[in-house]
């Protein structure tokens, strides 16, 4: 019985799977390149190429996945793009870029739960890596997603980093001090503000005095 083109196509993919299972990398890649021309969806082709390379633990898989996601985004196929970046993040859980991409994609999809989840993840990761300016920028950009405590935490960490640096002038430091106090006042718990003031008093007397004066003006 003569096989139709679709049957030959399916058999070719089964053969490719067998080659991959045997661990024959070069042969598998060569066969995939031949099959790739029959895939009309370029984003899917890159995705499958990424899967193939990943099965051989080839680092080039990451680039293939990124190309795939970029094409999905271009075509407004956001769910497919999100799946790619979810997969990339599972491979490299501390890659900030992947989290930022997921936030952008889920904003396009208006998946608020996902946006909220990845925003929290982003802030936690940025602060743990001491990327406080980036965390502060994220808070500014997605302020509606952050709790008062998160805003205060990031602002406070950022402030103390700047206070210990000669790169920033006192005017910029004072502005950050006021922002930090404003965030702390939004929290319905004076413990955080008192702990902050104590830390200022012990390490930065000048700014401790400024903080007290600012609080007096606000009361």
N, C-alpha and C. Protein backbone atom coordinates (compact mmCIF):
# COMPACT_ATOMS: atom_id res chain seq x y z
N UNK A 1 0.85 -1.20 0.00
CA UNK A 1 0.00 0.00 0.00
C UNK A 1 0.88 1.25 0.00
N UNK A 2 0.55 2.18 -0.87
CA UNK A 2 1.34 3.40 -0.98
C UNK A 2 0.95 4.38 0.13
N UNK A 3 1.97 4.97 0.77
CA UNK A 3 1.72 5.91 1.86
C UNK A 3 1.47 7.30 1.31
N UNK A 4 0.50 8.00 1.90
CA UNK A 4 0.24 9.38 1.51
C UNK A 4 1.27 10.28 2.20
N UNK A 5 1.45 11.53 1.73
CA UNK A 5 2.45 12.42 2.31
C UNK A 5 2.33 12.61 3.82
N UNK A 6 1.08 12.70 4.32
CA UNK A 6 0.90 12.90 5.76
C UNK A 6 1.38 11.70 6.56
N UNK A 7 1.19 10.49 6.01
CA UNK A 7 1.67 9.28 6.68
C UNK A 7 3.20 9.28 6.75
N UNK A 8 3.82 9.65 5.62
CA UNK A 8 5.29 9.72 5.59
C UNK A 8 5.80 10.75 6.59
N UNK A 9 5.07 11.85 6.69
CA UNK A 9 5.43 12.93 7.61
C UNK A 9 5.38 12.44 9.06
N UNK A 10 4.30 11.72 9.41
CA UNK A 10 4.15 11.20 10.77
C UNK A 10 5.22 10.16 11.09
N UNK A 11 5.52 9.30 10.12
CA UNK A 11 6.55 8.27 10.32
C UNK A 11 7.90 8.93 10.56
N UNK A 12 8.17 10.01 9.82
CA UNK A 12 9.44 10.72 9.98
C UNK A 12 9.59 11.26 11.40
N UNK A 13 8.50 11.78 11.95
CA UNK A 13 8.56 12.29 13.32
C UNK A 13 8.76 11.16 14.32
N UNK A 14 8.14 10.01 14.08
CA UNK A 14 8.35 8.85 14.96
C UNK A 14 9.81 8.40 14.90
N UNK A 15 10.38 8.41 13.71
CA UNK A 15 11.79 8.03 13.56
C UNK A 15 12.69 9.01 14.30
N UNK A 16 12.34 10.29 14.22
CA UNK A 16 13.12 11.31 14.94
C UNK A 16 13.07 11.04 16.44
N UNK A 17 11.89 10.70 16.95
CA UNK A 17 11.75 10.40 18.38
C UNK A 17 12.62 9.22 18.78
N UNK A 18 12.70 8.21 17.91
CA UNK A 18 13.53 7.04 18.19
C UNK A 18 15.01 7.43 18.22
N UNK A 19 15.42 8.28 17.29
CA UNK A 19 16.81 8.73 17.23
C UNK A 19 17.18 9.52 18.49
N UNK A 20 16.27 10.37 18.93
CA UNK A 20 16.49 11.15 20.16
C UNK A 20 16.61 10.21 21.35
N UNK A 21 15.73 9.21 21.41
CA UNK A 21 15.75 8.24 22.52
C UNK A 21 17.07 7.49 22.57
N UNK A 22 17.69 7.29 21.41
CA UNK A 22 18.98 6.58 21.37
C UNK A 22 20.14 7.52 21.67
N UNK A 23 19.85 8.80 21.79
CA UNK A 23 20.90 9.77 22.12
C UNK A 23 21.79 10.17 20.97
N UNK A 24 21.30 10.00 19.74
CA UNK A 24 22.10 10.34 18.56
C UNK A 24 21.85 11.80 18.18
N UNK A 25 22.58 12.68 18.84
CA UNK A 25 22.32 14.12 18.72
C UNK A 25 22.47 14.66 17.30
N UNK A 26 23.62 14.44 16.67
CA UNK A 26 23.87 15.02 15.35
C UNK A 26 22.87 14.53 14.31
N UNK A 27 22.58 13.25 14.38
CA UNK A 27 21.61 12.68 13.43
C UNK A 27 20.22 13.27 13.67
N UNK A 28 19.87 13.42 14.95
CA UNK A 28 18.56 13.97 15.29
C UNK A 28 18.43 15.41 14.80
N UNK A 29 19.48 16.20 15.01
CA UNK A 29 19.45 17.61 14.57
C UNK A 29 19.34 17.70 13.05
N UNK A 30 20.11 16.85 12.36
CA UNK A 30 20.05 16.83 10.90
C UNK A 30 18.67 16.48 10.39
N UNK A 31 18.06 15.49 11.00
CA UNK A 31 16.72 15.08 10.57
C UNK A 31 15.69 16.16 10.90
N UNK A 32 15.86 16.79 12.05
CA UNK A 32 14.92 17.85 12.43
C UNK A 32 14.98 19.01 11.44
N UNK A 33 16.18 19.36 10.99
CA UNK A 33 16.32 20.46 10.03
C UNK A 33 15.56 20.17 8.74
N UNK A 34 15.55 18.90 8.35
CA UNK A 34 14.78 18.52 7.16
C UNK A 34 13.27 18.64 7.41
N UNK A 35 12.86 18.20 8.59
CA UNK A 35 11.43 18.25 8.93
C UNK A 35 10.95 19.68 9.19
N UNK A 36 11.88 20.53 9.62
CA UNK A 36 11.52 21.90 9.99
C UNK A 36 10.90 22.66 8.82
N UNK A 37 11.32 22.32 7.60
CA UNK A 37 10.80 23.00 6.41
C UNK A 37 9.32 22.69 6.17
N UNK A 38 8.85 21.62 6.77
CA UNK A 38 7.45 21.25 6.58
C UNK A 38 6.53 21.86 7.64
N UNK A 39 7.12 22.58 8.60
CA UNK A 39 6.33 23.22 9.66
C UNK A 39 6.02 24.65 9.22
N UNK A 40 4.76 24.95 9.03
CA UNK A 40 4.36 26.27 8.54
C UNK A 40 4.44 27.35 9.62
N UNK A 41 4.42 26.93 10.89
CA UNK A 41 4.44 27.86 12.02
C UNK A 41 5.87 28.00 12.52
N UNK A 42 6.51 29.15 12.23
CA UNK A 42 7.92 29.34 12.60
C UNK A 42 8.11 29.36 14.11
N UNK A 43 7.15 29.93 14.83
CA UNK A 43 7.25 29.96 16.30
C UNK A 43 7.24 28.54 16.85
N UNK A 44 6.36 27.71 16.32
CA UNK A 44 6.30 26.31 16.75
C UNK A 44 7.57 25.58 16.38
N UNK A 45 8.12 25.89 15.21
CA UNK A 45 9.35 25.24 14.76
C UNK A 45 10.49 25.52 15.73
N UNK A 46 10.63 26.79 16.14
CA UNK A 46 11.67 27.14 17.11
C UNK A 46 11.41 26.46 18.46
N UNK A 47 10.14 26.39 18.84
CA UNK A 47 9.79 25.74 20.11
C UNK A 47 10.19 24.27 20.09
N UNK A 48 9.88 23.58 19.01
CA UNK A 48 10.24 22.16 18.88
C UNK A 48 11.75 21.98 18.82
N UNK A 49 12.42 22.92 18.15
CA UNK A 49 13.88 22.85 18.11
C UNK A 49 14.46 23.02 19.51
N UNK A 50 13.85 23.92 20.28
CA UNK A 50 14.28 24.09 21.66
C UNK A 50 14.09 22.82 22.47
N UNK A 51 12.95 22.17 22.28
CA UNK A 51 12.68 20.90 22.98
C UNK A 51 13.72 19.85 22.61
N UNK A 52 14.05 19.79 21.31
CA UNK A 52 15.03 18.82 20.84
C UNK A 52 16.39 19.08 21.46
N UNK A 53 16.85 20.32 21.39
CA UNK A 53 18.17 20.65 21.94
C UNK A 53 18.22 20.46 23.45
N UNK A 54 17.11 20.78 24.11
CA UNK A 54 17.07 20.60 25.57
C UNK A 54 17.19 19.13 25.94
N UNK A 55 16.63 18.25 25.11
CA UNK A 55 16.72 16.81 25.40
C UNK A 55 18.16 16.32 25.39
N UNK A 56 19.02 17.09 24.69
CA UNK A 56 20.46 16.76 24.66
C UNK A 56 21.26 17.71 25.56
N UNK A 57 20.55 18.44 26.41
CA UNK A 57 21.15 19.39 27.35
C UNK A 57 22.04 20.41 26.63
N UNK A 58 21.59 20.85 25.48
CA UNK A 58 22.31 21.84 24.68
C UNK A 58 21.83 23.24 25.06
N UNK A 59 22.76 24.11 25.46
CA UNK A 59 22.40 25.45 25.93
C UNK A 59 21.73 26.30 24.86
N UNK A 60 21.91 25.94 23.59
CA UNK A 60 21.29 26.70 22.50
C UNK A 60 19.76 26.58 22.52
N UNK A 61 19.26 25.64 23.30
CA UNK A 61 17.80 25.49 23.43
C UNK A 61 17.16 26.78 23.93
N UNK A 62 17.86 27.48 24.83
CA UNK A 62 17.31 28.70 25.41
C UNK A 62 17.06 29.75 24.33
N UNK A 63 18.02 29.91 23.42
CA UNK A 63 17.85 30.89 22.33
C UNK A 63 16.67 30.52 21.44
N UNK A 64 16.51 29.23 21.18
CA UNK A 64 15.37 28.79 20.36
C UNK A 64 14.05 29.11 21.03
N UNK A 65 13.98 28.86 22.33
CA UNK A 65 12.75 29.17 23.07
C UNK A 65 12.46 30.68 23.04
N UNK A 66 13.51 31.50 23.19
CA UNK A 66 13.32 32.95 23.17
C UNK A 66 12.81 33.43 21.81
N UNK A 67 13.37 32.86 20.74
CA UNK A 67 12.91 33.21 19.39
C UNK A 67 11.45 32.81 19.20
N UNK A 68 11.12 31.64 19.72
CA UNK A 68 9.74 31.16 19.63
C UNK A 68 8.79 32.10 20.35
N UNK A 69 9.15 32.47 21.59
CA UNK A 69 8.30 33.36 22.39
C UNK A 69 8.13 34.72 21.71
N UNK A 70 9.22 35.25 21.14
CA UNK A 70 9.16 36.55 20.47
C UNK A 70 8.18 36.51 19.29
N UNK A 71 8.20 35.42 18.55
CA UNK A 71 7.28 35.29 17.41
C UNK A 71 5.84 35.13 17.88
N UNK A 72 5.64 34.37 18.96
CA UNK A 72 4.29 34.22 19.51
C UNK A 72 3.75 35.58 19.96
N UNK A 73 4.60 36.37 20.61
CA UNK A 73 4.18 37.69 21.08
C UNK A 73 3.85 38.59 19.89
N UNK A 74 4.69 38.53 18.86
CA UNK A 74 4.46 39.33 17.65
C UNK A 74 3.10 39.00 17.03
N UNK A 75 2.74 37.73 17.08
CA UNK A 75 1.46 37.28 16.51
C UNK A 75 0.30 37.37 17.51
N UNK A 76 0.59 37.96 18.68
CA UNK A 76 -0.40 38.13 19.76
C UNK A 76 -0.93 36.78 20.28
N UNK A 77 -0.11 35.77 20.19
CA UNK A 77 -0.45 34.46 20.76
C UNK A 77 0.18 34.39 22.15
N UNK A 78 -0.43 35.16 23.06
CA UNK A 78 0.17 35.39 24.36
C UNK A 78 0.18 34.15 25.25
N UNK A 79 -0.83 33.32 25.13
CA UNK A 79 -0.87 32.11 25.96
C UNK A 79 0.30 31.19 25.63
N UNK A 80 0.58 31.04 24.33
CA UNK A 80 1.72 30.21 23.92
C UNK A 80 3.04 30.83 24.39
N UNK A 81 3.14 32.16 24.28
CA UNK A 81 4.35 32.85 24.72
C UNK A 81 4.55 32.69 26.23
N UNK A 82 3.44 32.79 26.97
CA UNK A 82 3.52 32.61 28.43
C UNK A 82 4.01 31.21 28.78
N UNK A 83 3.52 30.22 28.05
CA UNK A 83 3.94 28.84 28.31
C UNK A 83 5.44 28.67 28.10
N UNK A 84 5.98 29.34 27.06
CA UNK A 84 7.42 29.29 26.80
C UNK A 84 8.20 29.89 27.96
N UNK A 85 7.78 31.07 28.41
CA UNK A 85 8.52 31.73 29.49
C UNK A 85 8.32 31.04 30.84
N UNK A 86 7.18 30.43 31.04
CA UNK A 86 6.99 29.61 32.25
C UNK A 86 8.01 28.47 32.24
N UNK A 87 8.17 27.86 31.08
CA UNK A 87 9.13 26.76 30.92
C UNK A 87 10.56 27.25 31.14
N UNK A 88 10.90 28.39 30.54
CA UNK A 88 12.24 28.95 30.73
C UNK A 88 12.51 29.27 32.19
N UNK A 89 11.50 29.80 32.87
CA UNK A 89 11.67 30.13 34.28
C UNK A 89 11.86 28.88 35.13
N UNK A 90 11.19 27.80 34.76
CA UNK A 90 11.37 26.54 35.50
C UNK A 90 12.79 26.01 35.32
N UNK A 91 13.42 26.33 34.19
CA UNK A 91 14.80 25.90 33.94
C UNK A 91 15.80 26.80 34.66
N UNK A 92 15.46 28.10 34.75
CA UNK A 92 16.34 29.08 35.41
C UNK A 92 15.49 29.97 36.32
N UNK A 93 15.17 29.49 37.52
CA UNK A 93 14.18 30.16 38.39
C UNK A 93 14.57 31.56 38.85
N UNK A 94 15.84 31.94 38.74
CA UNK A 94 16.24 33.25 39.25
C UNK A 94 16.55 34.25 38.13
N UNK A 95 16.03 33.99 36.95
CA UNK A 95 16.25 34.90 35.83
C UNK A 95 15.18 35.99 35.83
N UNK A 96 15.60 37.18 36.19
CA UNK A 96 14.67 38.30 36.35
C UNK A 96 13.96 38.64 35.04
N UNK A 97 14.69 38.56 33.93
CA UNK A 97 14.11 38.90 32.63
C UNK A 97 12.87 38.06 32.32
N UNK A 98 12.91 36.77 32.67
CA UNK A 98 11.78 35.89 32.38
C UNK A 98 10.55 36.31 33.18
N UNK A 99 10.77 36.70 34.42
CA UNK A 99 9.65 37.15 35.26
C UNK A 99 9.05 38.43 34.71
N UNK A 100 9.92 39.36 34.29
CA UNK A 100 9.43 40.62 33.71
C UNK A 100 8.64 40.36 32.43
N UNK A 101 9.12 39.43 31.62
CA UNK A 101 8.41 39.07 30.39
C UNK A 101 7.04 38.49 30.71
N UNK A 102 6.98 37.64 31.73
CA UNK A 102 5.70 37.04 32.11
C UNK A 102 4.71 38.09 32.62
N UNK A 103 5.21 39.07 33.36
CA UNK A 103 4.33 40.15 33.82
C UNK A 103 3.76 40.90 32.62
N UNK A 104 4.62 41.21 31.65
CA UNK A 104 4.17 41.92 30.44
C UNK A 104 3.12 41.10 29.68
N UNK A 105 3.39 39.81 29.53
CA UNK A 105 2.47 38.94 28.77
C UNK A 105 1.13 38.83 29.48
N UNK A 106 1.18 38.61 30.80
CA UNK A 106 -0.08 38.46 31.54
C UNK A 106 -0.85 39.78 31.64
N UNK A 107 -0.13 40.90 31.53
CA UNK A 107 -0.84 42.18 31.44
C UNK A 107 -1.61 42.26 30.12
N UNK A 108 -0.99 41.79 29.06
CA UNK A 108 -1.67 41.77 27.76
C UNK A 108 -2.90 40.87 27.80
N UNK A 109 -2.80 39.79 28.57
CA UNK A 109 -3.92 38.85 28.71
C UNK A 109 -4.92 39.29 29.78
N UNK A 110 -4.51 40.27 30.59
CA UNK A 110 -5.32 40.76 31.72
C UNK A 110 -5.60 39.64 32.72
N UNK A 111 -4.59 38.81 32.96
CA UNK A 111 -4.67 37.75 33.96
C UNK A 111 -4.13 38.32 35.28
N UNK A 112 -4.99 38.96 36.04
CA UNK A 112 -4.55 39.70 37.22
C UNK A 112 -3.89 38.83 38.28
N UNK A 113 -4.40 37.62 38.48
CA UNK A 113 -3.80 36.73 39.48
C UNK A 113 -2.35 36.41 39.12
N UNK A 114 -2.12 36.16 37.84
CA UNK A 114 -0.76 35.84 37.38
C UNK A 114 0.15 37.06 37.49
N UNK A 115 -0.38 38.24 37.15
CA UNK A 115 0.40 39.48 37.26
C UNK A 115 0.84 39.68 38.70
N UNK A 116 -0.11 39.51 39.62
CA UNK A 116 0.16 39.70 41.04
C UNK A 116 1.21 38.70 41.53
N UNK A 117 1.06 37.43 41.12
CA UNK A 117 1.97 36.37 41.55
C UNK A 117 3.41 36.67 41.10
N UNK A 118 3.56 37.04 39.85
CA UNK A 118 4.92 37.25 39.33
C UNK A 118 5.51 38.59 39.78
N UNK A 119 4.66 39.55 40.10
CA UNK A 119 5.17 40.79 40.68
C UNK A 119 5.79 40.51 42.04
N UNK A 120 5.10 39.72 42.86
CA UNK A 120 5.64 39.36 44.18
C UNK A 120 6.97 38.63 44.02
N UNK A 121 7.00 37.73 43.06
CA UNK A 121 8.22 36.96 42.80
C UNK A 121 9.36 37.88 42.36
N UNK A 122 9.03 38.85 41.53
CA UNK A 122 10.03 39.80 41.03
C UNK A 122 10.63 40.62 42.17
N UNK A 123 9.78 41.16 43.03
CA UNK A 123 10.26 41.99 44.14
C UNK A 123 11.14 41.16 45.08
N UNK A 124 10.71 39.95 45.38
CA UNK A 124 11.49 39.08 46.27
C UNK A 124 12.86 38.77 45.68
N UNK A 125 12.88 38.52 44.38
CA UNK A 125 14.14 38.17 43.71
C UNK A 125 15.07 39.37 43.63
N UNK A 126 14.53 40.53 43.28
CA UNK A 126 15.36 41.73 43.17
C UNK A 126 15.97 42.11 44.51
N UNK A 127 15.19 42.05 45.56
CA UNK A 127 15.72 42.42 46.88
C UNK A 127 16.73 41.39 47.37
N UNK A 128 16.50 40.12 47.09
CA UNK A 128 17.44 39.09 47.54
C UNK A 128 18.78 39.21 46.82
N UNK A 129 18.76 39.76 45.60
CA UNK A 129 20.00 39.97 44.83
C UNK A 129 20.54 41.40 45.01
N UNK A 130 19.94 42.13 45.93
CA UNK A 130 20.36 43.49 46.25
C UNK A 130 20.25 44.44 45.06
N UNK A 131 19.33 44.16 44.16
CA UNK A 131 19.08 45.05 43.01
C UNK A 131 17.96 46.01 43.40
N UNK A 132 18.31 46.91 44.30
CA UNK A 132 17.29 47.71 44.96
C UNK A 132 16.75 48.83 44.08
N UNK A 133 17.60 49.40 43.24
CA UNK A 133 17.10 50.42 42.31
C UNK A 133 16.06 49.83 41.37
N UNK A 134 16.33 48.60 40.89
CA UNK A 134 15.38 47.92 40.01
C UNK A 134 14.09 47.58 40.75
N UNK A 135 14.23 47.18 42.01
CA UNK A 135 13.04 46.88 42.82
C UNK A 135 12.21 48.14 43.03
N UNK A 136 12.90 49.25 43.27
CA UNK A 136 12.21 50.52 43.46
C UNK A 136 11.47 50.93 42.18
N UNK A 137 12.11 50.71 41.04
CA UNK A 137 11.48 51.02 39.74
C UNK A 137 10.24 50.15 39.53
N UNK A 138 10.36 48.87 39.89
CA UNK A 138 9.22 47.95 39.74
C UNK A 138 8.06 48.37 40.63
N UNK A 139 8.38 48.80 41.84
CA UNK A 139 7.35 49.29 42.76
C UNK A 139 6.65 50.52 42.16
N UNK A 140 7.45 51.41 41.56
CA UNK A 140 6.88 52.62 40.95
C UNK A 140 5.98 52.27 39.77
N UNK A 141 6.42 51.27 39.01
CA UNK A 141 5.68 50.88 37.80
C UNK A 141 4.40 50.11 38.12
N UNK A 142 4.50 49.23 39.13
CA UNK A 142 3.35 48.38 39.48
C UNK A 142 2.90 48.63 40.91
N UNK A 143 2.89 49.92 41.29
CA UNK A 143 2.58 50.27 42.67
C UNK A 143 1.25 49.74 43.17
N UNK A 144 0.28 49.62 42.26
CA UNK A 144 -1.05 49.15 42.66
C UNK A 144 -1.03 47.67 43.08
N UNK A 145 0.05 46.96 42.74
CA UNK A 145 0.15 45.55 43.11
C UNK A 145 0.87 45.33 44.43
N UNK A 146 1.59 46.35 44.88
CA UNK A 146 2.42 46.20 46.08
C UNK A 146 1.66 46.57 47.34
N UNK A 147 1.91 45.84 48.41
CA UNK A 147 1.35 46.18 49.71
C UNK A 147 2.16 47.32 50.32
N UNK A 148 1.60 48.07 51.26
CA UNK A 148 2.38 49.12 51.93
C UNK A 148 3.67 48.59 52.55
N UNK A 149 3.62 47.37 53.09
CA UNK A 149 4.82 46.79 53.70
C UNK A 149 5.90 46.54 52.65
N UNK A 150 5.50 46.04 51.49
CA UNK A 150 6.47 45.79 50.41
C UNK A 150 7.08 47.10 49.92
N UNK A 151 6.25 48.11 49.76
CA UNK A 151 6.75 49.42 49.33
C UNK A 151 7.76 49.96 50.35
N UNK A 152 7.40 49.84 51.62
CA UNK A 152 8.28 50.35 52.68
C UNK A 152 9.58 49.56 52.74
N UNK A 153 9.49 48.25 52.60
CA UNK A 153 10.68 47.39 52.68
C UNK A 153 11.68 47.75 51.59
N UNK A 154 11.18 47.85 50.34
CA UNK A 154 12.06 48.17 49.21
C UNK A 154 12.63 49.57 49.37
N UNK A 155 11.78 50.52 49.74
CA UNK A 155 12.22 51.90 49.90
C UNK A 155 13.27 52.02 51.00
N UNK A 156 13.06 51.30 52.10
CA UNK A 156 13.99 51.35 53.23
C UNK A 156 15.35 50.74 52.86
N UNK A 157 15.33 49.59 52.21
CA UNK A 157 16.58 48.95 51.79
C UNK A 157 17.33 49.84 50.81
N UNK A 158 16.59 50.43 49.90
CA UNK A 158 17.20 51.31 48.90
C UNK A 158 17.80 52.55 49.55
N UNK A 159 17.07 53.09 50.52
CA UNK A 159 17.55 54.29 51.22
C UNK A 159 18.87 54.03 51.92
N UNK A 160 18.96 52.96 52.68
CA UNK A 160 20.19 52.69 53.44
C UNK A 160 21.38 52.42 52.51
N UNK A 161 21.10 51.85 51.36
CA UNK A 161 22.17 51.66 50.37
C UNK A 161 22.68 53.01 49.88
N UNK A 162 21.74 53.94 49.63
CA UNK A 162 22.12 55.27 49.14
C UNK A 162 22.77 56.13 50.23
N UNK A 163 22.31 55.98 51.46
CA UNK A 163 22.89 56.77 52.55
C UNK A 163 24.36 56.44 52.75
N UNK A 164 24.71 55.20 52.49
CA UNK A 164 26.11 54.77 52.67
C UNK A 164 26.98 55.04 51.47
N UNK A 165 26.44 55.72 50.46
CA UNK A 165 27.20 55.99 49.24
C UNK A 165 27.43 57.48 49.06
N UNK A 166 28.62 57.84 48.59
CA UNK A 166 28.95 59.24 48.33
C UNK A 166 28.53 59.68 46.93
N UNK A 167 28.02 58.75 46.16
CA UNK A 167 27.62 59.05 44.78
C UNK A 167 26.39 59.96 44.75
N UNK A 168 25.51 59.79 45.74
CA UNK A 168 24.25 60.54 45.75
C UNK A 168 24.37 61.75 46.68
N UNK A 169 23.82 62.89 46.25
CA UNK A 169 23.88 64.08 47.09
C UNK A 169 22.81 64.03 48.17
N UNK A 170 22.93 64.93 49.13
CA UNK A 170 22.02 64.92 50.28
C UNK A 170 20.57 65.23 49.89
N UNK A 171 20.40 66.01 48.82
CA UNK A 171 19.05 66.33 48.37
C UNK A 171 18.32 65.07 47.93
N UNK A 172 19.01 64.22 47.17
CA UNK A 172 18.42 62.96 46.70
C UNK A 172 18.15 62.02 47.87
N UNK A 173 19.09 62.01 48.83
CA UNK A 173 18.93 61.14 50.00
C UNK A 173 17.74 61.59 50.85
N UNK A 174 17.58 62.90 51.00
CA UNK A 174 16.45 63.42 51.78
C UNK A 174 15.12 63.07 51.12
N UNK A 175 15.08 63.18 49.80
CA UNK A 175 13.86 62.82 49.07
C UNK A 175 13.50 61.35 49.31
N UNK A 176 14.51 60.48 49.26
CA UNK A 176 14.27 59.06 49.51
C UNK A 176 13.85 58.81 50.95
N UNK A 177 14.44 59.56 51.87
CA UNK A 177 14.07 59.44 53.28
C UNK A 177 12.59 59.75 53.47
N UNK A 178 12.13 60.83 52.87
CA UNK A 178 10.72 61.22 52.99
C UNK A 178 9.79 60.17 52.36
N UNK A 179 10.19 59.64 51.22
CA UNK A 179 9.39 58.60 50.56
C UNK A 179 9.28 57.36 51.44
N UNK A 180 10.39 57.00 52.07
CA UNK A 180 10.41 55.82 52.94
C UNK A 180 9.48 56.03 54.13
N UNK A 181 9.55 57.19 54.73
CA UNK A 181 8.68 57.49 55.88
C UNK A 181 7.21 57.46 55.45
N UNK A 182 6.91 58.02 54.29
CA UNK A 182 5.53 58.01 53.79
C UNK A 182 5.01 56.59 53.64
N UNK A 183 5.85 55.70 53.11
CA UNK A 183 5.44 54.30 52.96
C UNK A 183 5.25 53.64 54.32
N UNK A 184 6.13 53.94 55.26
CA UNK A 184 6.03 53.34 56.60
C UNK A 184 4.77 53.82 57.31
N UNK A 185 4.38 55.05 57.07
CA UNK A 185 3.17 55.59 57.71
C UNK A 185 1.89 54.95 57.17
N UNK A 186 1.98 54.35 55.98
CA UNK A 186 0.82 53.67 55.41
C UNK A 186 0.54 52.34 56.09
N UNK A 187 1.54 51.82 56.81
CA UNK A 187 1.39 50.53 57.49
C UNK A 187 0.71 50.76 58.84
N UNK A 188 -0.30 49.97 59.11
CA UNK A 188 -1.03 50.12 60.37
C UNK A 188 -0.31 49.41 61.52
N UNK A 189 0.96 49.74 61.65
CA UNK A 189 1.76 49.14 62.72
C UNK A 189 2.98 50.02 62.93
N UNK A 190 3.06 50.69 64.08
CA UNK A 190 4.15 51.64 64.34
C UNK A 190 5.49 50.94 64.57
N UNK A 191 5.47 49.62 64.76
CA UNK A 191 6.71 48.88 65.01
C UNK A 191 7.72 49.09 63.89
N UNK A 192 7.27 49.04 62.64
CA UNK A 192 8.17 49.17 61.50
C UNK A 192 8.81 50.56 61.45
N UNK A 193 8.01 51.58 61.72
CA UNK A 193 8.54 52.95 61.73
C UNK A 193 9.55 53.13 62.86
N UNK A 194 9.22 52.62 64.04
CA UNK A 194 10.11 52.75 65.19
C UNK A 194 11.44 52.03 64.96
N UNK A 195 11.37 50.85 64.36
CA UNK A 195 12.60 50.10 64.06
C UNK A 195 13.45 50.85 63.04
N UNK A 196 12.79 51.46 62.07
CA UNK A 196 13.50 52.24 61.05
C UNK A 196 14.20 53.44 61.69
N UNK A 197 13.49 54.16 62.56
CA UNK A 197 14.07 55.32 63.23
C UNK A 197 15.25 54.94 64.11
N UNK A 198 15.13 53.80 64.77
CA UNK A 198 16.22 53.32 65.62
C UNK A 198 17.47 53.04 64.79
N UNK A 199 17.27 52.43 63.63
CA UNK A 199 18.39 52.13 62.74
C UNK A 199 19.03 53.42 62.23
N UNK A 200 18.20 54.40 61.92
CA UNK A 200 18.72 55.70 61.49
C UNK A 200 19.53 56.37 62.60
N UNK A 201 18.99 56.33 63.81
CA UNK A 201 19.65 56.96 64.95
C UNK A 201 21.02 56.35 65.19
N UNK A 202 21.11 55.04 65.03
CA UNK A 202 22.38 54.34 65.30
C UNK A 202 23.42 54.57 64.21
N UNK A 203 22.97 54.80 62.98
CA UNK A 203 23.92 54.84 61.86
C UNK A 203 24.04 56.18 61.15
N UNK A 204 22.94 56.94 61.12
CA UNK A 204 22.95 58.19 60.34
C UNK A 204 22.24 59.29 61.14
N UNK A 205 22.96 59.88 62.08
CA UNK A 205 22.37 60.86 63.01
C UNK A 205 21.71 62.03 62.27
N UNK A 206 22.40 62.53 61.25
CA UNK A 206 21.88 63.69 60.51
C UNK A 206 20.51 63.40 59.90
N UNK A 207 20.38 62.22 59.33
CA UNK A 207 19.12 61.86 58.67
C UNK A 207 18.06 61.43 59.69
N UNK A 208 18.53 60.99 60.85
CA UNK A 208 17.59 60.70 61.94
C UNK A 208 16.90 62.00 62.37
N UNK A 209 17.68 63.07 62.49
CA UNK A 209 17.12 64.38 62.86
C UNK A 209 16.15 64.86 61.78
N UNK A 210 16.54 64.68 60.52
CA UNK A 210 15.66 65.06 59.41
C UNK A 210 14.34 64.27 59.46
N UNK A 211 14.44 63.00 59.80
CA UNK A 211 13.26 62.14 59.87
C UNK A 211 12.30 62.64 60.95
N UNK A 212 12.84 62.99 62.11
CA UNK A 212 12.00 63.48 63.20
C UNK A 212 11.32 64.79 62.80
N UNK A 213 12.07 65.67 62.14
CA UNK A 213 11.50 66.95 61.70
C UNK A 213 10.38 66.73 60.68
N UNK A 214 10.60 65.79 59.78
CA UNK A 214 9.60 65.49 58.75
C UNK A 214 8.33 64.92 59.37
N UNK A 215 8.51 64.03 60.34
CA UNK A 215 7.36 63.43 61.03
C UNK A 215 6.58 64.49 61.81
N UNK A 216 7.31 65.43 62.39
CA UNK A 216 6.65 66.49 63.16
C UNK A 216 5.79 67.36 62.23
N UNK A 217 6.30 67.64 61.04
CA UNK A 217 5.55 68.45 60.07
C UNK A 217 4.30 67.72 59.59
N UNK A 218 4.38 66.40 59.52
CA UNK A 218 3.25 65.62 59.01
C UNK A 218 2.18 65.37 60.08
N UNK A 219 2.55 65.53 61.34
CA UNK A 219 1.60 65.23 62.43
C UNK A 219 0.61 66.37 62.63
